Amino acid sequence: MIHVLKSTYTKPADVVEQTRPAHLEFLNSEIAAGRLLLAGRQEDGSGGVLVTADISTEEAQDIVARDPYTHAGVANYERTSFNGAFRAAGL
């Protein structure tokens, strides 16, 4: 399954920014490991979106659980999963 992990910040931006370097390092490691395909902030600045590779629900939940934003209590995640039956070449 492909999972869209949408985060919503639960603390003010200055508090979120304190954890941002660790969060970005975490995202880079997940991309390097092949578990994440895309990651970025939402246009309105209210949170972010992570798009996983084809991984299990448990693996997606583990990504959320290990995210420094989760540990710091500055964001909550909502997961939407789909089968990714139609894909661009290379995905």
PDB file of N, CA and C in Angstrom:
ATOM      1  N   MET A   1       0.827  -1.186   0.000  1.00  0.00           N
ATOM      2  CA  MET A   1       0.000   0.000   0.000  1.00  0.00           C
ATOM      3  C   MET A   1       0.871   1.249   0.000  1.00  0.00           C
ATOM      4  N   ILE A   2       0.358   2.271  -0.653  1.00  0.00           N
ATOM      5  CA  ILE A   2       0.947   3.606  -0.593  1.00  0.00           C
ATOM      6  C   ILE A   2       0.182   4.346   0.501  1.00  0.00           C
ATOM      7  N   HIS A   3       0.886   5.137   1.285  1.00  0.00           N
ATOM      8  CA  HIS A   3       0.258   5.865   2.380  1.00  0.00           C
ATOM      9  C   HIS A   3       0.576   7.344   2.251  1.00  0.00           C
ATOM     10  N   VAL A   4      -0.454   8.163   2.422  1.00  0.00           N
ATOM     11  CA  VAL A   4      -0.292   9.610   2.499  1.00  0.00           C
ATOM     12  C   VAL A   4      -0.434   9.961   3.973  1.00  0.00           C
ATOM     13  N   LEU A   5       0.631  10.503   4.529  1.00  0.00           N
ATOM     14  CA  LEU A   5       0.666  10.851   5.947  1.00  0.00           C
ATOM     15  C   LEU A   5       0.615  12.365   6.055  1.00  0.00           C
ATOM     16  N   LYS A   6      -0.531  12.879   6.456  1.00  0.00           N
ATOM     17  CA  LYS A   6      -0.732  14.329   6.536  1.00  0.00           C
ATOM     18  C   LYS A   6      -0.575  14.769   7.985  1.00  0.00           C
ATOM     19  N   SER A   7       0.373  15.668   8.216  1.00  0.00           N
ATOM     20  CA  SER A   7       0.570  16.163   9.576  1.00  0.00           C
ATOM     21  C   SER A   7      -0.091  17.522   9.742  1.00  0.00           C
ATOM     22  N   THR A   8      -0.515  17.773  10.965  1.00  0.00           N
ATOM     23  CA  THR A   8      -1.055  19.074  11.355  1.00  0.00           C
ATOM     24  C   THR A   8      -0.286  19.519  12.585  1.00  0.00           C
ATOM     25  N   TYR A   9       0.297  20.709  12.510  1.00  0.00           N
ATOM     26  CA  TYR A   9       1.039  21.219  13.656  1.00  0.00           C
ATOM     27  C   TYR A   9       0.089  21.505  14.812  1.00  0.00           C
ATOM     28  N   THR A  10       0.524  21.134  15.999  1.00  0.00           N
ATOM     29  CA  THR A  10      -0.293  21.328  17.201  1.00  0.00           C
ATOM     30  C   THR A  10       0.293  22.391  18.122  1.00  0.00           C
ATOM     31  N   LYS A  11       1.440  22.934  17.732  1.00  0.00           N
ATOM     32  CA  LYS A  11       2.123  23.969  18.510  1.00  0.00           C
ATOM     33  C   LYS A  11       2.426  25.149  17.595  1.00  0.00           C
ATOM     34  N   PRO A  12       2.717  26.310  18.168  1.00  0.00           N
ATOM     35  CA  PRO A  12       3.058  27.479  17.352  1.00  0.00           C
ATOM     36  C   PRO A  12       4.311  27.221  16.495  1.00  0.00           C
ATOM     37  N   ALA A  13       4.428  27.973  15.411  1.00  0.00           N
ATOM     38  CA  ALA A  13       5.515  27.782  14.448  1.00  0.00           C
ATOM     39  C   ALA A  13       6.891  27.857  15.098  1.00  0.00           C
ATOM     40  N   ASP A  14       7.088  28.754  16.062  1.00  0.00           N
ATOM     41  CA  ASP A  14       8.414  28.869  16.678  1.00  0.00           C
ATOM     42  C   ASP A  14       8.774  27.619  17.470  1.00  0.00           C
ATOM     43  N   VAL A  15       7.785  26.937  18.012  1.00  0.00           N
ATOM     44  CA  VAL A  15       8.027  25.684  18.744  1.00  0.00           C
ATOM     45  C   VAL A  15       8.321  24.565  17.751  1.00  0.00           C
ATOM     46  N   VAL A  16       7.565  24.502  16.652  1.00  0.00           N
ATOM     47  CA  VAL A  16       7.793  23.495  15.609  1.00  0.00           C
ATOM     48  C   VAL A  16       9.204  23.651  15.050  1.00  0.00           C
ATOM     49  N   GLU A  17       9.639  24.881  14.819  1.00  0.00           N
ATOM     50  CA  GLU A  17      10.963  25.145  14.238  1.00  0.00           C
ATOM     51  C   GLU A  17      12.098  24.597  15.088  1.00  0.00           C
ATOM     52  N   GLN A  18      11.909  24.485  16.385  1.00  0.00           N
ATOM     53  CA  GLN A  18      12.948  23.940  17.262  1.00  0.00           C
ATOM     54  C   GLN A  18      13.229  22.473  16.951  1.00  0.00           C
ATOM     55  N   THR A  19      12.221  21.756  16.485  1.00  0.00           N
ATOM     56  CA  THR A  19      12.358  20.325  16.180  1.00  0.00           C
ATOM     57  C   THR A  19      12.626  20.081  14.700  1.00  0.00           C
ATOM     58  N   ARG A  20      12.472  21.103  13.879  1.00  0.00           N
ATOM     59  CA  ARG A  20      12.585  20.955  12.422  1.00  0.00           C
ATOM     60  C   ARG A  20      13.908  20.331  11.967  1.00  0.00           C
ATOM     61  N   PRO A  21      15.085  20.723  12.479  1.00  0.00           N
ATOM     62  CA  PRO A  21      16.326  20.089  11.999  1.00  0.00           C
ATOM     63  C   PRO A  21      16.331  18.566  12.197  1.00  0.00           C
ATOM     64  N   ALA A  22      15.883  18.099  13.339  1.00  0.00           N
ATOM     65  CA  ALA A  22      15.831  16.650  13.586  1.00  0.00           C
ATOM     66  C   ALA A  22      14.804  15.989  12.666  1.00  0.00           C
ATOM     67  N   HIS A  23      13.682  16.667  12.440  1.00  0.00           N
ATOM     68  CA  HIS A  23      12.642  16.143  11.552  1.00  0.00           C
ATOM     69  C   HIS A  23      13.176  16.012  10.126  1.00  0.00           C
ATOM     70  N   LEU A  24      13.889  17.029   9.639  1.00  0.00           N
ATOM     71  CA  LEU A  24      14.431  16.987   8.281  1.00  0.00           C
ATOM     72  C   LEU A  24      15.476  15.886   8.135  1.00  0.00           C
ATOM     73  N   GLU A  25      16.301  15.698   9.141  1.00  0.00           N
ATOM     74  CA  GLU A  25      17.287  14.612   9.131  1.00  0.00           C
ATOM     75  C   GLU A  25      16.574  13.257   9.067  1.00  0.00           C
ATOM     76  N   PHE A  26      15.509  13.128   9.843  1.00  0.00           N
ATOM     77  CA  PHE A  26      14.701  11.906   9.843  1.00  0.00           C
ATOM     78  C   PHE A  26      14.113  11.652   8.452  1.00  0.00           C
ATOM     79  N   LEU A  27      13.540  12.690   7.834  1.00  0.00           N
ATOM     80  CA  LEU A  27      12.962  12.528   6.495  1.00  0.00           C
ATOM     81  C   LEU A  27      14.015  12.085   5.493  1.00  0.00           C
ATOM     82  N   ASN A  28      15.187  12.702   5.538  1.00  0.00           N
ATOM     83  CA  ASN A  28      16.266  12.312   4.625  1.00  0.00           C
ATOM     84  C   ASN A  28      16.653  10.851   4.809  1.00  0.00           C
ATOM     85  N   SER A  29      16.684  10.380   6.048  1.00  0.00           N
ATOM     86  CA  SER A  29      17.047   8.981   6.284  1.00  0.00           C
ATOM     87  C   SER A  29      15.957   8.036   5.781  1.00  0.00           C
ATOM     88  N   GLU A  30      14.695   8.426   5.912  1.00  0.00           N
ATOM     89  CA  GLU A  30      13.590   7.590   5.423  1.00  0.00           C
ATOM     90  C   GLU A  30      13.567   7.549   3.892  1.00  0.00           C
ATOM     91  N   ILE A  31      13.894   8.664   3.251  1.00  0.00           N
ATOM     92  CA  ILE A  31      13.984   8.693   1.783  1.00  0.00           C
ATOM     93  C   ILE A  31      15.148   7.817   1.327  1.00  0.00           C
ATOM     94  N   ALA A  32      16.285   7.946   1.989  1.00  0.00           N
ATOM     95  CA  ALA A  32      17.458   7.136   1.636  1.00  0.00           C
ATOM     96  C   ALA A  32      17.187   5.644   1.816  1.00  0.00           C
ATOM     97  N   ALA A  33      16.374   5.300   2.813  1.00  0.00           N
ATOM     98  CA  ALA A  33      16.037   3.893   3.066  1.00  0.00           C
ATOM     99  C   ALA A  33      14.963   3.377   2.122  1.00  0.00           C
ATOM    100  N   GLY A  34      14.369   4.266   1.323  1.00  0.00           N
ATOM    101  CA  GLY A  34      13.357   3.855   0.354  1.00  0.00           C
ATOM    102  C   GLY A  34      11.953   3.756   0.900  1.00  0.00           C
ATOM    103  N   ARG A  35      11.738   4.207   2.126  1.00  0.00           N
ATOM    104  CA  ARG A  35      10.392   4.128   2.716  1.00  0.00           C
ATOM    105  C   ARG A  35       9.526   5.342   2.375  1.00  0.00           C
ATOM    106  N   LEU A  36      10.147   6.495   2.137  1.00  0.00           N
ATOM    107  CA  LEU A  36       9.416   7.696   1.724  1.00  0.00           C
ATOM    108  C   LEU A  36       9.790   8.064   0.305  1.00  0.00           C
ATOM    109  N   LEU A  37       8.789   8.525  -0.463  1.00  0.00           N
ATOM    110  CA  LEU A  37       9.015   8.986  -1.828  1.00  0.00           C
ATOM    111  C   LEU A  37       9.036  10.500  -1.911  1.00  0.00           C
ATOM    112  N   LEU A  38       8.149  11.140  -1.165  1.00  0.00           N
ATOM    113  CA  LEU A  38       7.985  12.591  -1.207  1.00  0.00           C
ATOM    114  C   LEU A  38       7.694  13.112   0.190  1.00  0.00           C
ATOM    115  N   ALA A  39       8.111  14.342   0.442  1.00  0.00           N
ATOM    116  CA  ALA A  39       7.791  14.992   1.703  1.00  0.00           C
ATOM    117  C   ALA A  39       7.857  16.496   1.499  1.00  0.00           C
ATOM    118  N   GLY A  40       6.960  17.217   2.151  1.00  0.00           N
ATOM    119  CA  GLY A  40       6.986  18.676   2.058  1.00  0.00           C
ATOM    120  C   GLY A  40       5.914  19.313   2.904  1.00  0.00           C
ATOM    121  N   ARG A  41       6.059  20.622   3.084  1.00  0.00           N
ATOM    122  CA  ARG A  41       5.083  21.385   3.863  1.00  0.00           C
ATOM    123  C   ARG A  41       3.832  21.642   3.043  1.00  0.00           C
ATOM    124  N   GLN A  42       2.712  21.726   3.743  1.00  0.00           N
ATOM    125  CA  GLN A  42       1.465  22.105   3.097  1.00  0.00           C
ATOM    126  C   GLN A  42       1.542  23.584   2.717  1.00  0.00           C
ATOM    127  N   GLU A  43       0.861  23.938   1.659  1.00  0.00           N
ATOM    128  CA  GLU A  43       0.901  25.303   1.146  1.00  0.00           C
ATOM    129  C   GLU A  43       0.506  26.333   2.194  1.00  0.00           C
ATOM    130  N   ASP A  44      -0.456  25.991   3.045  1.00  0.00           N
ATOM    131  CA  ASP A  44      -0.932  26.958   4.039  1.00  0.00           C
ATOM    132  C   ASP A  44      -0.080  26.984   5.305  1.00  0.00           C
ATOM    133  N   GLY A  45       0.964  26.130   5.368  1.00  0.00           N
ATOM    134  CA  GLY A  45       1.859  26.129   6.509  1.00  0.00           C
ATOM    135  C   GLY A  45       1.313  25.462   7.756  1.00  0.00           C
ATOM    136  N   SER A  46       0.189  24.764   7.639  1.00  0.00           N
ATOM    137  CA  SER A  46      -0.449  24.147   8.813  1.00  0.00           C
ATOM    138  C   SER A  46       0.131  22.792   9.182  1.00  0.00           C
ATOM    139  N   GLY A  47       1.035  22.267   8.341  1.00  0.00           N
ATOM    140  CA  GLY A  47       1.615  20.951   8.577  1.00  0.00           C
ATOM    141  C   GLY A  47       2.346  20.493   7.341  1.00  0.00           C
ATOM    142  N   GLY A  48       2.448  19.194   7.163  1.00  0.00           N
ATOM    143  CA  GLY A  48       3.166  18.650   6.021  1.00  0.00           C
ATOM    144  C   GLY A  48       2.505  17.400   5.486  1.00  0.00           C
ATOM    145  N   VAL A  49       3.069  16.882   4.398  1.00  0.00           N
ATOM    146  CA  VAL A  49       2.565  15.661   3.774  1.00  0.00           C
ATOM    147  C   VAL A  49       3.755  14.770   3.447  1.00  0.00           C
ATOM    148  N   LEU A  50       3.646  13.502   3.817  1.00  0.00           N
ATOM    149  CA  LEU A  50       4.636  12.493   3.466  1.00  0.00           C
ATOM    150  C   LEU A  50       3.934  11.458   2.595  1.00  0.00           C
ATOM    151  N   VAL A  51       4.584  11.034   1.528  1.00  0.00           N
ATOM    152  CA  VAL A  51       4.054   9.980   0.669  1.00  0.00           C
ATOM    153  C   VAL A  51       5.037   8.823   0.733  1.00  0.00           C
ATOM    154  N   THR A  52       4.546   7.676   1.166  1.00  0.00           N
ATOM    155  CA  THR A  52       5.424   6.520   1.348  1.00  0.00           C
ATOM    156  C   THR A  52       5.586   5.729   0.059  1.00  0.00           C
ATOM    157  N   ALA A  53       6.569   4.871   0.065  1.00  0.00           N
ATOM    158  CA  ALA A  53       6.707   3.843  -0.958  1.00  0.00           C
ATOM    159  C   ALA A  53       5.627   2.792  -0.687  1.00  0.00           C
ATOM    160  N   ASP A  54       5.657   1.712  -1.421  1.00  0.00           N
ATOM    161  CA  ASP A  54       4.695   0.625  -1.241  1.00  0.00           C
ATOM    162  C   ASP A  54       5.132  -0.188  -0.010  1.00  0.00           C
ATOM    163  N   ILE A  55       4.589   0.182   1.152  1.00  0.00           N
ATOM    164  CA  ILE A  55       4.961  -0.441   2.420  1.00  0.00           C
ATOM    165  C   ILE A  55       3.700  -0.858   3.172  1.00  0.00           C
ATOM    166  N   SER A  56       3.880  -1.619   4.216  1.00  0.00           N
ATOM    167  CA  SER A  56       2.735  -2.078   5.011  1.00  0.00           C
ATOM    168  C   SER A  56       2.196  -0.951   5.883  1.00  0.00           C
ATOM    169  N   THR A  57       0.984  -1.156   6.362  1.00  0.00           N
ATOM    170  CA  THR A  57       0.374  -0.212   7.296  1.00  0.00           C
ATOM    171  C   THR A  57       1.225  -0.079   8.552  1.00  0.00           C
ATOM    172  N   GLU A  58       1.749  -1.197   9.014  1.00  0.00           N
ATOM    173  CA  GLU A  58       2.592  -1.176  10.222  1.00  0.00           C
ATOM    174  C   GLU A  58       3.851  -0.350  10.005  1.00  0.00           C
ATOM    175  N   GLU A  59       4.452  -0.468   8.829  1.00  0.00           N
ATOM    176  CA  GLU A  59       5.646   0.327   8.522  1.00  0.00           C
ATOM    177  C   GLU A  59       5.311   1.819   8.462  1.00  0.00           C
ATOM    178  N   ALA A  60       4.156   2.152   7.899  1.00  0.00           N
ATOM    179  CA  ALA A  60       3.733   3.555   7.846  1.00  0.00           C
ATOM    180  C   ALA A  60       3.501   4.097   9.247  1.00  0.00           C
ATOM    181  N   GLN A  61       2.855   3.314  10.102  1.00  0.00           N
ATOM    182  CA  GLN A  61       2.623   3.732  11.478  1.00  0.00           C
ATOM    183  C   GLN A  61       3.939   3.885  12.226  1.00  0.00           C
ATOM    184  N   ASP A  62       4.929   3.058  11.891  1.00  0.00           N
ATOM    185  CA  ASP A  62       6.242   3.146  12.511  1.00  0.00           C
ATOM    186  C   ASP A  62       6.952   4.439  12.109  1.00  0.00           C
ATOM    187  N   ILE A  63       6.790   4.860  10.855  1.00  0.00           N
ATOM    188  CA  ILE A  63       7.369   6.132  10.416  1.00  0.00           C
ATOM    189  C   ILE A  63       6.818   7.269  11.266  1.00  0.00           C
ATOM    190  N   VAL A  64       5.500   7.290  11.427  1.00  0.00           N
ATOM    191  CA  VAL A  64       4.871   8.332  12.247  1.00  0.00           C
ATOM    192  C   VAL A  64       5.378   8.262  13.681  1.00  0.00           C
ATOM    193  N   ALA A  65       5.451   7.071  14.234  1.00  0.00           N
ATOM    194  CA  ALA A  65       5.872   6.907  15.632  1.00  0.00           C
ATOM    195  C   ALA A  65       7.309   7.360  15.861  1.00  0.00           C
ATOM    196  N   ARG A  66       8.175   7.190  14.849  1.00  0.00           N
ATOM    197  CA  ARG A  66       9.593   7.554  15.005  1.00  0.00           C
ATOM    198  C   ARG A  66       9.896   8.992  14.619  1.00  0.00           C
ATOM    199  N   ASP A  67       8.948   9.693  14.032  1.00  0.00           N
ATOM    200  CA  ASP A  67       9.174  11.074  13.590  1.00  0.00           C
ATOM    201  C   ASP A  67       9.457  11.975  14.801  1.00  0.00           C
ATOM    202  N   PRO A  68      10.520  12.772  14.753  1.00  0.00           N
ATOM    203  CA  PRO A  68      10.803  13.696  15.851  1.00  0.00           C
ATOM    204  C   PRO A  68       9.648  14.644  16.168  1.00  0.00           C
ATOM    205  N   TYR A  69       8.840  15.002  15.171  1.00  0.00           N
ATOM    206  CA  TYR A  69       7.665  15.840  15.443  1.00  0.00           C
ATOM    207  C   TYR A  69       6.681  15.117  16.359  1.00  0.00           C
ATOM    208  N   THR A  70       6.521  13.819  16.165  1.00  0.00           N
ATOM    209  CA  THR A  70       5.648  13.031  17.036  1.00  0.00           C
ATOM    210  C   THR A  70       6.227  12.984  18.445  1.00  0.00           C
ATOM    211  N   HIS A  71       7.524  12.702  18.544  1.00  0.00           N
ATOM    212  CA  HIS A  71       8.179  12.624  19.861  1.00  0.00           C
ATOM    213  C   HIS A  71       8.085  13.939  20.620  1.00  0.00           C
ATOM    214  N   ALA A  72       8.203  15.056  19.894  1.00  0.00           N
ATOM    215  CA  ALA A  72       8.162  16.379  20.534  1.00  0.00           C
ATOM    216  C   ALA A  72       6.733  16.851  20.790  1.00  0.00           C
ATOM    217  N   GLY A  73       5.752  16.137  20.253  1.00  0.00           N
ATOM    218  CA  GLY A  73       4.356  16.521  20.454  1.00  0.00           C
ATOM    219  C   GLY A  73       3.951  17.785  19.715  1.00  0.00           C
ATOM    220  N   VAL A  74       4.626  18.070  18.578  1.00  0.00           N
ATOM    221  CA  VAL A  74       4.319  19.292  17.839  1.00  0.00           C
ATOM    222  C   VAL A  74       3.440  19.059  16.617  1.00  0.00           C
ATOM    223  N   ALA A  75       3.135  17.788  16.316  1.00  0.00           N
ATOM    224  CA  ALA A  75       2.290  17.478  15.161  1.00  0.00           C
ATOM    225  C   ALA A  75       1.541  16.174  15.388  1.00  0.00           C
ATOM    226  N   ASN A  76       0.356  16.120  14.799  1.00  0.00           N
ATOM    227  CA  ASN A  76      -0.435  14.893  14.740  1.00  0.00           C
ATOM    228  C   ASN A  76      -0.507  14.465  13.286  1.00  0.00           C
ATOM    229  N   TYR A  77      -0.615  13.158  13.052  1.00  0.00           N
ATOM    230  CA  TYR A  77      -0.689  12.631  11.693  1.00  0.00           C
ATOM    231  C   TYR A  77      -2.018  11.944  11.428  1.00  0.00           C
ATOM    232  N   GLU A  78      -2.464  12.079  10.182  1.00  0.00           N
ATOM    233  CA  GLU A  78      -3.631  11.349   9.663  1.00  0.00           C
ATOM    234  C   GLU A  78      -3.131  10.531   8.480  1.00  0.00           C
ATOM    235  N   ARG A  79      -3.465   9.251   8.457  1.00  0.00           N
ATOM    236  CA  ARG A  79      -3.007   8.358   7.390  1.00  0.00           C
ATOM    237  C   ARG A  79      -4.142   8.012   6.446  1.00  0.00           C
ATOM    238  N   THR A  80      -3.884   8.151   5.147  1.00  0.00           N
ATOM    239  CA  THR A  80      -4.786   7.681   4.098  1.00  0.00           C
ATOM    240  C   THR A  80      -3.991   6.700   3.246  1.00  0.00           C
ATOM    241  N   SER A  81      -4.544   5.519   3.047  1.00  0.00           N
ATOM    242  CA  SER A  81      -3.840   4.476   2.304  1.00  0.00           C
ATOM    243  C   SER A  81      -4.589   4.131   1.027  1.00  0.00           C
ATOM    244  N   PHE A  82      -3.829   3.784  -0.026  1.00  0.00           N
ATOM    245  CA  PHE A  82      -4.451   3.356  -1.269  1.00  0.00           C
ATOM    246  C   PHE A  82      -3.530   2.368  -1.962  1.00  0.00           C
ATOM    247  N   ASN A  83      -4.082   1.625  -2.933  1.00  0.00           N
ATOM    248  CA  ASN A  83      -3.323   0.526  -3.526  1.00  0.00           C
ATOM    249  C   ASN A  83      -2.353   0.949  -4.626  1.00  0.00           C
ATOM    250  N   GLY A  84      -2.403   2.160  -5.096  1.00  0.00           N
ATOM    251  CA  GLY A  84      -1.444   2.626  -6.095  1.00  0.00           C
ATOM    252  C   GLY A  84      -1.433   1.798  -7.371  1.00  0.00           C
ATOM    253  N   ALA A  85      -2.617   1.347  -7.794  1.00  0.00           N
ATOM    254  CA  ALA A  85      -2.713   0.458  -8.957  1.00  0.00           C
ATOM    255  C   ALA A  85      -2.233   1.112 -10.238  1.00  0.00           C
ATOM    256  N   PHE A  86      -2.433   2.408 -10.380  1.00  0.00           N
ATOM    257  CA  PHE A  86      -2.012   3.127 -11.581  1.00  0.00           C
ATOM    258  C   PHE A  86      -0.842   4.019 -11.203  1.00  0.00           C
ATOM    259  N   ARG A  87       0.303   3.798 -11.877  1.00  0.00           N
ATOM    260  CA  ARG A  87       1.540   4.470 -11.502  1.00  0.00           C
ATOM    261  C   ARG A  87       2.267   4.997 -12.728  1.00  0.00           C
ATOM    262  N   ALA A  88       2.970   6.098 -12.535  1.00  0.00           N
ATOM    263  CA  ALA A  88       3.856   6.604 -13.575  1.00  0.00           C
ATOM    264  C   ALA A  88       5.034   5.636 -13.726  1.00  0.00           C
ATOM    265  N   ALA A  89       5.636   5.628 -14.870  1.00  0.00           N
ATOM    266  CA  ALA A  89       6.811   4.780 -15.080  1.00  0.00           C
ATOM    267  C   ALA A  89       7.876   5.119 -14.054  1.00  0.00           C
ATOM    268  N   GLY A  90       8.490   4.104 -13.520  1.00  0.00           N
ATOM    269  CA  GLY A  90       9.546   4.310 -12.530  1.00  0.00           C
ATOM    270  C   GLY A  90       9.078   4.289 -11.087  1.00  0.00           C
ATOM    271  N   LEU A  91       7.801   4.270 -10.860  1.00  0.00           N
ATOM    272  CA  LEU A  91       7.292   4.222  -9.490  1.00  0.00           C
ATOM    273  C   LEU A  91       6.872   2.812  -9.125  1.00  0.00           C
TER     274      LEU A  91
END
